Amino acid sequence: SGFIMYNVGWFRQAPGKEREFVAVI
């Protein structure tokens, strides 16, 4: 439940590519 105090982001990684940022709240 402490999750409520965390900023949360989404990242994605395509085959053969670096992990990239998508969104954050």
PDB file of all heavy atoms in Angstrom:
ATOM      1  N   SER A   1       0.817  -1.209   0.000  1.00  0.00           N
ATOM      2  CA  SER A   1       0.000   0.000   0.000  1.00  0.00           C
ATOM      3  C   SER A   1       0.853   1.262   0.000  1.00  0.00           C
ATOM      4  O   SER A   1       0.361   2.331  -0.363  1.00  0.00           O
ATOM      5  CB  SER A   1      -0.952   0.005   1.196  1.00  0.00           C
ATOM      6  OG  SER A   1      -0.229   0.007   2.421  1.00  0.00           O
ATOM      7  N   GLY A   2       2.131   1.144   0.393  1.00  0.00           N
ATOM      8  CA  GLY A   2       3.043   2.264   0.326  1.00  0.00           C
ATOM      9  C   GLY A   2       3.303   2.737  -1.095  1.00  0.00           C
ATOM     10  O   GLY A   2       3.877   3.806  -1.298  1.00  0.00           O
ATOM     11  N   PHE A   3       2.890   1.951  -2.061  1.00  0.00           N
ATOM     12  CA  PHE A   3       2.982   2.299  -3.472  1.00  0.00           C
ATOM     13  C   PHE A   3       2.378   3.667  -3.746  1.00  0.00           C
ATOM     14  O   PHE A   3       2.771   4.345  -4.691  1.00  0.00           O
ATOM     15  CB  PHE A   3       2.264   1.218  -4.275  1.00  0.00           C
ATOM     16  CG  PHE A   3       2.427   1.304  -5.762  1.00  0.00           C
ATOM     17  CD1 PHE A   3       3.667   1.187  -6.359  1.00  0.00           C
ATOM     18  CD2 PHE A   3       1.308   1.453  -6.572  1.00  0.00           C
ATOM     19  CE1 PHE A   3       3.809   1.221  -7.737  1.00  0.00           C
ATOM     20  CE2 PHE A   3       1.435   1.490  -7.950  1.00  0.00           C
ATOM     21  CZ  PHE A   3       2.678   1.371  -8.529  1.00  0.00           C
ATOM     22  N   ILE A   4       1.423   4.074  -2.929  1.00  0.00           N
ATOM     23  CA  ILE A   4       0.743   5.351  -3.125  1.00  0.00           C
ATOM     24  C   ILE A   4       1.728   6.517  -3.106  1.00  0.00           C
ATOM     25  O   ILE A   4       1.469   7.546  -3.729  1.00  0.00           O
ATOM     26  CB  ILE A   4      -0.354   5.549  -2.061  1.00  0.00           C
ATOM     27  CG1 ILE A   4      -1.212   6.774  -2.380  1.00  0.00           C
ATOM     28  CG2 ILE A   4       0.259   5.675  -0.669  1.00  0.00           C
ATOM     29  CD1 ILE A   4      -2.399   6.950  -1.451  1.00  0.00           C
ATOM     30  N   MET A   5       2.852   6.354  -2.424  1.00  0.00           N
ATOM     31  CA  MET A   5       3.822   7.429  -2.292  1.00  0.00           C
ATOM     32  C   MET A   5       4.888   7.430  -3.393  1.00  0.00           C
ATOM     33  O   MET A   5       5.812   8.233  -3.339  1.00  0.00           O
ATOM     34  CB  MET A   5       4.507   7.367  -0.932  1.00  0.00           C
ATOM     35  CG  MET A   5       3.560   7.568   0.241  1.00  0.00           C
ATOM     36  SD  MET A   5       2.772   9.201   0.198  1.00  0.00           S
ATOM     37  CE  MET A   5       1.754   9.112   1.669  1.00  0.00           C
ATOM     38  N   TYR A   6       4.762   6.554  -4.366  1.00  0.00           N
ATOM     39  CA  TYR A   6       5.760   6.425  -5.417  1.00  0.00           C
ATOM     40  C   TYR A   6       5.281   7.023  -6.736  1.00  0.00           C
ATOM     41  O   TYR A   6       4.120   6.869  -7.124  1.00  0.00           O
ATOM     42  CB  TYR A   6       6.122   4.958  -5.656  1.00  0.00           C
ATOM     43  CG  TYR A   6       7.016   4.372  -4.597  1.00  0.00           C
ATOM     44  CD1 TYR A   6       6.507   3.965  -3.377  1.00  0.00           C
ATOM     45  CD2 TYR A   6       8.380   4.226  -4.837  1.00  0.00           C
ATOM     46  CE1 TYR A   6       7.338   3.433  -2.400  1.00  0.00           C
ATOM     47  CE2 TYR A   6       9.213   3.691  -3.869  1.00  0.00           C
ATOM     48  CZ  TYR A   6       8.685   3.294  -2.653  1.00  0.00           C
ATOM     49  OH  TYR A   6       9.516   2.756  -1.698  1.00  0.00           O
ATOM     50  N   ASN A   7       6.208   7.692  -7.416  1.00  0.00           N
ATOM     51  CA  ASN A   7       6.009   8.044  -8.813  1.00  0.00           C
ATOM     52  C   ASN A   7       6.148   6.757  -9.622  1.00  0.00           C
ATOM     53  O   ASN A   7       6.980   5.908  -9.301  1.00  0.00           O
ATOM     54  CB  ASN A   7       7.065   9.043  -9.270  1.00  0.00           C
ATOM     55  CG  ASN A   7       7.154  10.243  -8.349  1.00  0.00           C
ATOM     56  OD1 ASN A   7       6.392  11.196  -8.494  1.00  0.00           O
ATOM     57  ND2 ASN A   7       8.083  10.209  -7.399  1.00  0.00           N
ATOM     58  N   VAL A   8       5.339   6.596 -10.660  1.00  0.00           N
ATOM     59  CA  VAL A   8       5.362   5.369 -11.438  1.00  0.00           C
ATOM     60  C   VAL A   8       5.546   5.683 -12.913  1.00  0.00           C
ATOM     61  O   VAL A   8       4.825   6.512 -13.468  1.00  0.00           O
ATOM     62  CB  VAL A   8       4.079   4.551 -11.231  1.00  0.00           C
ATOM     63  CG1 VAL A   8       4.098   3.303 -12.116  1.00  0.00           C
ATOM     64  CG2 VAL A   8       3.948   4.143  -9.766  1.00  0.00           C
ATOM     65  N   GLY A   9       6.506   5.008 -13.516  1.00  0.00           N
ATOM     66  CA  GLY A   9       6.784   5.205 -14.926  1.00  0.00           C
ATOM     67  C   GLY A   9       6.610   3.932 -15.722  1.00  0.00           C
ATOM     68  O   GLY A   9       6.621   2.833 -15.172  1.00  0.00           O
ATOM     69  N   TRP A  10       6.436   4.113 -17.022  1.00  0.00           N
ATOM     70  CA  TRP A  10       6.400   3.004 -17.967  1.00  0.00           C
ATOM     71  C   TRP A  10       7.544   3.168 -18.962  1.00  0.00           C
ATOM     72  O   TRP A  10       7.786   4.275 -19.464  1.00  0.00           O
ATOM     73  CB  TRP A  10       5.077   2.961 -18.736  1.00  0.00           C
ATOM     74  CG  TRP A  10       3.930   2.420 -17.952  1.00  0.00           C
ATOM     75  CD1 TRP A  10       3.006   3.130 -17.249  1.00  0.00           C
ATOM     76  CD2 TRP A  10       3.560   1.042 -17.818  1.00  0.00           C
ATOM     77  NE1 TRP A  10       2.085   2.292 -16.678  1.00  0.00           N
ATOM     78  CE2 TRP A  10       2.400   1.000 -17.011  1.00  0.00           C
ATOM     79  CE3 TRP A  10       4.088  -0.155 -18.300  1.00  0.00           C
ATOM     80  CZ2 TRP A  10       1.768  -0.194 -16.672  1.00  0.00           C
ATOM     81  CZ3 TRP A  10       3.470  -1.342 -17.959  1.00  0.00           C
ATOM     82  CH2 TRP A  10       2.319  -1.356 -17.161  1.00  0.00           C
ATOM     83  N   PHE A  11       8.224   2.066 -19.226  1.00  0.00           N
ATOM     84  CA  PHE A  11       9.289   2.007 -20.212  1.00  0.00           C
ATOM     85  C   PHE A  11       8.999   0.849 -21.149  1.00  0.00           C
ATOM     86  O   PHE A  11       8.224  -0.048 -20.820  1.00  0.00           O
ATOM     87  CB  PHE A  11      10.653   1.809 -19.536  1.00  0.00           C
ATOM     88  CG  PHE A  11      11.133   2.994 -18.748  1.00  0.00           C
ATOM     89  CD1 PHE A  11      10.601   3.283 -17.504  1.00  0.00           C
ATOM     90  CD2 PHE A  11      12.126   3.821 -19.251  1.00  0.00           C
ATOM     91  CE1 PHE A  11      11.033   4.370 -16.772  1.00  0.00           C
ATOM     92  CE2 PHE A  11      12.576   4.912 -18.521  1.00  0.00           C
ATOM     93  CZ  PHE A  11      12.032   5.197 -17.294  1.00  0.00           C
ATOM     94  N   ARG A  12       9.637   0.870 -22.300  1.00  0.00           N
ATOM     95  CA  ARG A  12       9.481  -0.241 -23.231  1.00  0.00           C
ATOM     96  C   ARG A  12      10.817  -0.534 -23.901  1.00  0.00           C
ATOM     97  O   ARG A  12      11.684   0.329 -24.017  1.00  0.00           O
ATOM     98  CB  ARG A  12       8.416   0.056 -24.292  1.00  0.00           C
ATOM     99  CG  ARG A  12       8.755   1.206 -25.224  1.00  0.00           C
ATOM    100  CD  ARG A  12       7.552   1.572 -26.074  1.00  0.00           C
ATOM    101  NE  ARG A  12       7.847   2.663 -26.995  1.00  0.00           N
ATOM    102  CZ  ARG A  12       6.929   3.297 -27.715  1.00  0.00           C
ATOM    103  NH1 ARG A  12       5.642   2.940 -27.627  1.00  0.00           N
ATOM    104  NH2 ARG A  12       7.279   4.279 -28.533  1.00  0.00           N
ATOM    105  N   GLN A  13      10.959  -1.774 -24.341  1.00  0.00           N
ATOM    106  CA  GLN A  13      12.184  -2.192 -24.997  1.00  0.00           C
ATOM    107  C   GLN A  13      11.843  -3.083 -26.181  1.00  0.00           C
ATOM    108  O   GLN A  13      11.259  -4.152 -26.016  1.00  0.00           O
ATOM    109  CB  GLN A  13      13.099  -2.926 -24.020  1.00  0.00           C
ATOM    110  CG  GLN A  13      14.475  -3.231 -24.582  1.00  0.00           C
ATOM    111  CD  GLN A  13      15.468  -3.609 -23.498  1.00  0.00           C
ATOM    112  OE1 GLN A  13      15.080  -4.046 -22.410  1.00  0.00           O
ATOM    113  NE2 GLN A  13      16.742  -3.439 -23.784  1.00  0.00           N
ATOM    114  N   ALA A  14      12.213  -2.625 -27.367  1.00  0.00           N
ATOM    115  CA  ALA A  14      12.018  -3.397 -28.580  1.00  0.00           C
ATOM    116  C   ALA A  14      13.220  -4.297 -28.805  1.00  0.00           C
ATOM    117  O   ALA A  14      14.319  -4.011 -28.313  1.00  0.00           O
ATOM    118  CB  ALA A  14      11.822  -2.463 -29.775  1.00  0.00           C
ATOM    119  N   PRO A  15      13.051  -5.382 -29.552  1.00  0.00           N
ATOM    120  CA  PRO A  15      14.173  -6.287 -29.812  1.00  0.00           C
ATOM    121  C   PRO A  15      15.360  -5.559 -30.429  1.00  0.00           C
ATOM    122  O   PRO A  15      15.207  -4.816 -31.397  1.00  0.00           O
ATOM    123  CB  PRO A  15      13.582  -7.303 -30.785  1.00  0.00           C
ATOM    124  CG  PRO A  15      12.122  -7.310 -30.474  1.00  0.00           C
ATOM    125  CD  PRO A  15      11.795  -5.875 -30.148  1.00  0.00           C
ATOM    126  N   GLY A  16      16.528  -5.751 -29.846  1.00  0.00           N
ATOM    127  CA  GLY A  16      17.737  -5.147 -30.363  1.00  0.00           C
ATOM    128  C   GLY A  16      17.898  -3.674 -30.074  1.00  0.00           C
ATOM    129  O   GLY A  16      18.847  -3.056 -30.575  1.00  0.00           O
ATOM    130  N   LYS A  17      17.000  -3.089 -29.284  1.00  0.00           N
ATOM    131  CA  LYS A  17      17.076  -1.666 -28.974  1.00  0.00           C
ATOM    132  C   LYS A  17      17.186  -1.435 -27.469  1.00  0.00           C
ATOM    133  O   LYS A  17      16.931  -2.321 -26.663  1.00  0.00           O
ATOM    134  CB  LYS A  17      15.861  -0.928 -29.531  1.00  0.00           C
ATOM    135  CG  LYS A  17      15.799  -0.884 -31.042  1.00  0.00           C
ATOM    136  CD  LYS A  17      14.737   0.087 -31.517  1.00  0.00           C
ATOM    137  CE  LYS A  17      14.772   0.251 -33.024  1.00  0.00           C
ATOM    138  NZ  LYS A  17      13.781   1.264 -33.485  1.00  0.00           N
ATOM    139  N   GLU A  18      17.555  -0.211 -27.127  1.00  0.00           N
ATOM    140  CA  GLU A  18      17.674   0.176 -25.732  1.00  0.00           C
ATOM    141  C   GLU A  18      16.296   0.385 -25.111  1.00  0.00           C
ATOM    142  O   GLU A  18      15.319   0.655 -25.805  1.00  0.00           O
ATOM    143  CB  GLU A  18      18.489   1.470 -25.607  1.00  0.00           C
ATOM    144  CG  GLU A  18      19.875   1.420 -26.230  1.00  0.00           C
ATOM    145  CD  GLU A  18      19.886   1.751 -27.711  1.00  0.00           C
ATOM    146  OE1 GLU A  18      18.797   1.994 -28.291  1.00  0.00           O
ATOM    147  OE2 GLU A  18      20.970   1.760 -28.302  1.00  0.00           O
ATOM    148  N   ARG A  19      16.228   0.261 -23.803  1.00  0.00           N
ATOM    149  CA  ARG A  19      14.997   0.551 -23.092  1.00  0.00           C
ATOM    150  C   ARG A  19      14.703   2.046 -23.186  1.00  0.00           C
ATOM    151  O   ARG A  19      15.583   2.874 -22.952  1.00  0.00           O
ATOM    152  CB  ARG A  19      15.121   0.125 -21.635  1.00  0.00           C
ATOM    153  CG  ARG A  19      13.838   0.228 -20.840  1.00  0.00           C
ATOM    154  CD  ARG A  19      14.007  -0.378 -19.447  1.00  0.00           C
ATOM    155  NE  ARG A  19      14.374  -1.782 -19.521  1.00  0.00           N
ATOM    156  CZ  ARG A  19      14.500  -2.565 -18.464  1.00  0.00           C
ATOM    157  NH1 ARG A  19      14.298  -2.084 -17.246  1.00  0.00           N
ATOM    158  NH2 ARG A  19      14.850  -3.829 -18.618  1.00  0.00           N
ATOM    159  N   GLU A  20      13.466   2.407 -23.532  1.00  0.00           N
ATOM    160  CA  GLU A  20      13.114   3.802 -23.694  1.00  0.00           C
ATOM    161  C   GLU A  20      11.938   4.194 -22.807  1.00  0.00           C
ATOM    162  O   GLU A  20      11.045   3.391 -22.527  1.00  0.00           O
ATOM    163  CB  GLU A  20      12.800   4.131 -25.157  1.00  0.00           C
ATOM    164  CG  GLU A  20      11.522   3.524 -25.681  1.00  0.00           C
ATOM    165  CD  GLU A  20      11.105   4.076 -27.030  1.00  0.00           C
ATOM    166  OE1 GLU A  20      11.505   5.209 -27.377  1.00  0.00           O
ATOM    167  OE2 GLU A  20      10.375   3.363 -27.754  1.00  0.00           O
ATOM    168  N   PHE A  21      11.941   5.437 -22.399  1.00  0.00           N
ATOM    169  CA  PHE A  21      10.889   5.988 -21.571  1.00  0.00           C
ATOM    170  C   PHE A  21       9.602   6.150 -22.359  1.00  0.00           C
ATOM    171  O   PHE A  21       9.622   6.522 -23.532  1.00  0.00           O
ATOM    172  CB  PHE A  21      11.343   7.344 -21.019  1.00  0.00           C
ATOM    173  CG  PHE A  21      10.245   8.143 -20.389  1.00  0.00           C
ATOM    174  CD1 PHE A  21       9.741   7.791 -19.150  1.00  0.00           C
ATOM    175  CD2 PHE A  21       9.719   9.244 -21.032  1.00  0.00           C
ATOM    176  CE1 PHE A  21       8.726   8.523 -18.555  1.00  0.00           C
ATOM    177  CE2 PHE A  21       8.708   9.989 -20.457  1.00  0.00           C
ATOM    178  CZ  PHE A  21       8.210   9.622 -19.216  1.00  0.00           C
ATOM    179  N   VAL A  22       8.464   5.903 -21.687  1.00  0.00           N
ATOM    180  CA  VAL A  22       7.155   6.068 -22.302  1.00  0.00           C
ATOM    181  C   VAL A  22       6.333   7.133 -21.583  1.00  0.00           C
ATOM    182  O   VAL A  22       5.896   8.114 -22.189  1.00  0.00           O
ATOM    183  CB  VAL A  22       6.373   4.745 -22.330  1.00  0.00           C
ATOM    184  CG1 VAL A  22       4.979   4.959 -22.917  1.00  0.00           C
ATOM    185  CG2 VAL A  22       7.137   3.689 -23.122  1.00  0.00           C
ATOM    186  N   ALA A  23       6.105   6.958 -20.291  1.00  0.00           N
ATOM    187  CA  ALA A  23       5.256   7.875 -19.539  1.00  0.00           C
ATOM    188  C   ALA A  23       5.539   7.750 -18.052  1.00  0.00           C
ATOM    189  O   ALA A  23       6.037   6.725 -17.585  1.00  0.00           O
ATOM    190  CB  ALA A  23       3.774   7.590 -19.805  1.00  0.00           C
ATOM    191  N   VAL A  24       5.196   8.787 -17.300  1.00  0.00           N
ATOM    192  CA  VAL A  24       5.349   8.767 -15.847  1.00  0.00           C
ATOM    193  C   VAL A  24       4.203   9.539 -15.214  1.00  0.00           C
ATOM    194  O   VAL A  24       3.690  10.501 -15.802  1.00  0.00           O
ATOM    195  CB  VAL A  24       6.720   9.350 -15.421  1.00  0.00           C
ATOM    196  CG1 VAL A  24       6.866  10.810 -15.841  1.00  0.00           C
ATOM    197  CG2 VAL A  24       6.946   9.175 -13.930  1.00  0.00           C
ATOM    198  N   ILE A  25       3.798   9.129 -14.029  1.00  0.00           N
ATOM    199  CA  ILE A  25       2.766   9.821 -13.268  1.00  0.00           C
ATOM    200  C   ILE A  25       3.283  10.067 -11.860  1.00  0.00           C
ATOM    201  O   ILE A  25       3.962   9.219 -11.276  1.00  0.00           O
ATOM    202  CB  ILE A  25       1.443   9.026 -13.252  1.00  0.00           C
ATOM    203  CG1 ILE A  25       0.310   9.841 -12.616  1.00  0.00           C
ATOM    204  CG2 ILE A  25       1.620   7.685 -12.539  1.00  0.00           C
ATOM    205  CD1 ILE A  25      -1.070   9.237 -12.853  1.00  0.00           C
TER     206      ILE A  25
END
